[in-house]
Amino acid sequence: MESILVLNADYTPINITDLKRAFNLLYKGKAEIIKHNIITPIITEIRNYKRPTIIRLLKYITIPFRKVNLNRQNIFRRDKFKCGYCGEKTKNKLTIDHVIAKSKGGKNTWQNLVTCCKSCNIKKDDKSLEEVNMVLNTIPYRPTYIQFVKNITISYKDDWLPFLV
């Protein structure tokens, strides 16, 4: 599936859509092309069209606050499928670890959950990091929707970068 970045009228990113939906928005006059792929246009029997990579809506759309749901898959994505302790990147051997163990009052929050390989999880068990002499490579955080689009979702295209800052 080809991904197209959708910007609001004020150039803030609001969505990633597929080519069919983006083309429909353009054809109906609801959006304009900001960037397009020069190498591969859309070829039809009637004419050739620019293949968009970024489109902008012509009317501003009010978007309710978007948050990234706290779930197992999104924690893996945030941590780029790497163990937070040793950095191992084996998708089928990863699990979720509570930095502060549930038995010691740790909650299920973005700041307390981290991707962890099975061996580090067994080593840490329900102890604190100090007790087992382990260190987190990165501090767990709650990603914003834009960070999630930029860093975690399907790999973004280089020309999207100025709009995702």
Protein backbone atom coordinates (compact mmCIF):
# COMPACT_ATOMS: atom_id res chain seq x y z
CA MET A 1 0.00 0.00 0.00
CA GLU A 2 1.31 3.41 -0.94
CA SER A 3 1.21 5.92 1.92
CA ILE A 4 0.46 9.61 1.49
CA LEU A 5 0.85 12.20 4.26
CA VAL A 6 -2.26 14.37 4.72
CA LEU A 7 -1.75 17.89 6.05
CA ASN A 8 -4.42 20.18 7.43
CA ALA A 9 -4.91 23.59 5.83
CA ASP A 10 -2.33 25.01 8.29
CA TYR A 11 0.26 22.41 7.17
CA THR A 12 0.04 20.32 10.36
CA PRO A 13 0.03 16.55 9.74
CA ILE A 14 -3.29 14.91 10.50
CA ASN A 15 -3.24 11.51 8.85
CA ILE A 16 -1.60 9.01 6.57
CA THR A 17 -3.85 7.70 3.83
CA ASP A 18 -3.64 5.47 0.78
CA LEU A 19 -3.31 6.57 -2.83
CA LYS A 20 -6.98 5.96 -3.70
CA ARG A 21 -8.29 8.18 -0.89
CA ALA A 22 -5.70 10.89 -1.61
CA PHE A 23 -6.55 10.87 -5.32
CA ASN A 24 -10.28 11.19 -4.52
CA LEU A 25 -9.61 14.22 -2.29
CA LEU A 26 -7.55 15.81 -5.06
CA TYR A 27 -10.07 15.01 -7.80
CA LYS A 28 -12.96 16.48 -5.77
CA GLY A 29 -11.01 19.68 -5.18
CA LYS A 30 -10.77 19.17 -1.41
CA ALA A 31 -6.96 18.97 -1.36
CA GLU A 32 -3.89 20.07 -3.25
CA ILE A 33 -0.58 18.34 -3.93
CA ILE A 34 2.32 19.67 -1.87
CA LYS A 35 4.91 17.10 -3.03
CA HIS A 36 4.69 14.42 -5.66
CA ASN A 37 6.74 11.58 -7.08
CA ILE A 38 8.25 12.83 -10.33
CA ILE A 39 9.50 9.41 -11.45
CA THR A 40 6.21 7.46 -11.39
CA PRO A 41 3.10 9.42 -12.38
CA ILE A 42 -0.38 7.90 -12.29
CA ILE A 43 -1.10 6.84 -15.87
CA THR A 44 -4.70 6.51 -17.10
CA GLU A 45 -6.21 6.13 -20.55
CA ILE A 46 -7.25 9.78 -20.59
CA ARG A 47 -4.20 11.51 -19.08
CA ASN A 48 -1.30 11.29 -16.65
CA TYR A 49 -1.57 12.63 -13.09
CA LYS A 50 1.05 13.54 -10.52
CA ARG A 51 1.51 10.77 -7.91
CA PRO A 52 1.18 12.60 -4.56
CA THR A 53 3.42 11.91 -1.56
CA ILE A 54 2.05 14.84 0.50
CA ILE A 55 -1.34 16.52 0.13
CA ARG A 56 -2.89 19.47 1.98
CA LEU A 57 -6.58 19.90 2.69
CA LEU A 58 -7.92 23.22 1.40
CA LYS A 59 -10.34 23.71 4.33
CA TYR A 60 -9.15 23.52 7.93
CA ILE A 61 -10.49 20.48 9.77
CA THR A 62 -10.75 20.60 13.57
CA ILE A 63 -9.23 17.39 14.88
CA PRO A 64 -9.87 16.20 18.42
CA PHE A 65 -6.75 15.46 20.46
CA ARG A 66 -5.14 12.30 19.11
CA LYS A 67 -3.36 9.99 21.46
CA VAL A 68 -1.44 6.80 20.96
CA ASN A 69 -3.14 3.91 22.74
CA LEU A 70 -1.11 2.09 25.36
CA ASN A 71 -0.87 -1.50 24.15
CA ARG A 72 1.76 -4.17 23.66
CA GLN A 73 2.31 -3.53 19.94
CA ASN A 74 2.67 0.24 20.40
CA ILE A 75 5.26 -0.24 23.17
CA PHE A 76 7.23 -2.49 20.81
CA ARG A 77 6.95 0.17 18.08
CA ARG A 78 7.98 3.00 20.41
CA ASP A 79 11.06 1.03 21.46
CA LYS A 80 11.78 0.00 17.84
CA PHE A 81 11.53 -3.70 18.74
CA LYS A 82 14.72 -3.51 20.83
CA CYS A 83 15.30 -4.59 24.41
CA GLY A 84 15.44 -1.54 26.68
CA TYR A 85 18.29 -3.08 28.68
CA CYS A 86 20.67 -4.93 26.35
CA GLY A 87 19.51 -3.60 22.96
CA GLU A 88 18.76 -7.05 21.49
CA LYS A 89 16.49 -6.80 18.45
CA THR A 90 14.82 -10.21 18.13
CA LYS A 91 11.10 -9.75 17.49
CA ASN A 92 10.04 -13.26 18.53
CA LYS A 93 11.97 -13.14 21.84
CA LEU A 94 10.65 -9.81 23.11
CA THR A 95 8.29 -9.23 25.99
CA ILE A 96 7.12 -6.29 28.08
CA ASP A 97 8.77 -5.40 31.40
CA HIS A 98 7.57 -3.16 34.22
CA VAL A 99 10.51 -0.91 35.18
CA ILE A 100 9.00 -0.72 38.67
CA ALA A 101 7.54 -4.19 39.23
CA LYS A 102 3.78 -4.53 39.69
CA SER A 103 4.47 -6.27 42.99
CA LYS A 104 6.16 -3.04 44.16
CA GLY A 105 3.38 -0.73 43.03
CA GLY A 106 4.38 -0.24 39.39
CA LYS A 107 1.53 0.73 37.08
CA ASN A 108 0.74 -0.02 33.46
CA THR A 109 1.86 3.35 32.07
CA TRP A 110 3.98 4.50 29.13
CA GLN A 111 6.68 5.60 31.59
CA ASN A 112 6.80 2.24 33.42
CA LEU A 113 6.60 -0.23 30.51
CA VAL A 114 9.55 -1.10 28.30
CA THR A 115 10.33 -3.66 25.60
CA CYS A 116 12.54 -6.36 27.04
CA CYS A 117 14.14 -9.58 25.80
CA LYS A 118 13.27 -12.75 27.70
CA SER A 119 16.74 -13.19 29.21
CA CYS A 120 16.81 -9.62 30.63
CA ASN A 121 13.24 -10.02 31.89
CA ILE A 122 14.20 -13.24 33.72
CA LYS A 123 17.33 -11.58 35.13
CA LYS A 124 15.40 -8.53 36.37
CA ASP A 125 12.42 -10.54 37.66
CA ASP A 126 10.50 -8.34 40.13
CA LYS A 127 13.55 -6.55 41.46
CA SER A 128 14.56 -2.92 41.00
CA LEU A 129 17.19 -1.94 38.43
CA GLU A 130 19.67 -1.15 41.23
CA GLU A 131 19.22 -4.59 42.83
CA VAL A 132 20.22 -6.41 39.64
CA ASN A 133 22.71 -3.76 38.45
CA MET A 134 20.85 -3.08 35.17
CA VAL A 135 20.45 0.21 33.31
CA LEU A 136 17.82 1.33 30.79
CA ASN A 137 19.28 2.38 27.43
CA THR A 138 16.44 4.87 26.90
CA ILE A 139 13.90 6.30 29.31
CA PRO A 140 10.35 5.12 28.52
CA TYR A 141 8.02 7.96 27.47
CA ARG A 142 4.52 8.64 26.22
CA PRO A 143 4.85 9.32 22.48
CA THR A 144 2.76 12.03 20.86
CA TYR A 145 0.77 11.18 17.78
CA ILE A 146 3.24 13.04 15.54
CA GLN A 147 6.23 11.26 17.13
CA PHE A 148 4.40 8.00 16.54
CA VAL A 149 3.86 8.83 12.87
CA LYS A 150 7.45 10.02 12.46
CA ASN A 151 9.41 7.44 14.44
CA ILE A 152 7.25 4.44 14.96
CA THR A 153 4.81 3.89 12.16
CA ILE A 154 5.73 2.52 8.78
CA SER A 155 8.89 4.15 7.61
CA TYR A 156 8.11 7.67 6.54
CA LYS A 157 9.35 9.21 3.33
CA ASP A 158 12.19 11.73 3.46
CA ASP A 159 10.06 14.51 2.00
CA TRP A 160 7.64 14.15 4.96
CA LEU A 161 10.31 15.14 7.50
CA PRO A 162 9.84 18.96 7.39
CA PHE A 163 6.14 18.51 8.24
CA LEU A 164 6.70 16.02 11.08
CA VAL A 165 9.04 18.16 13.19
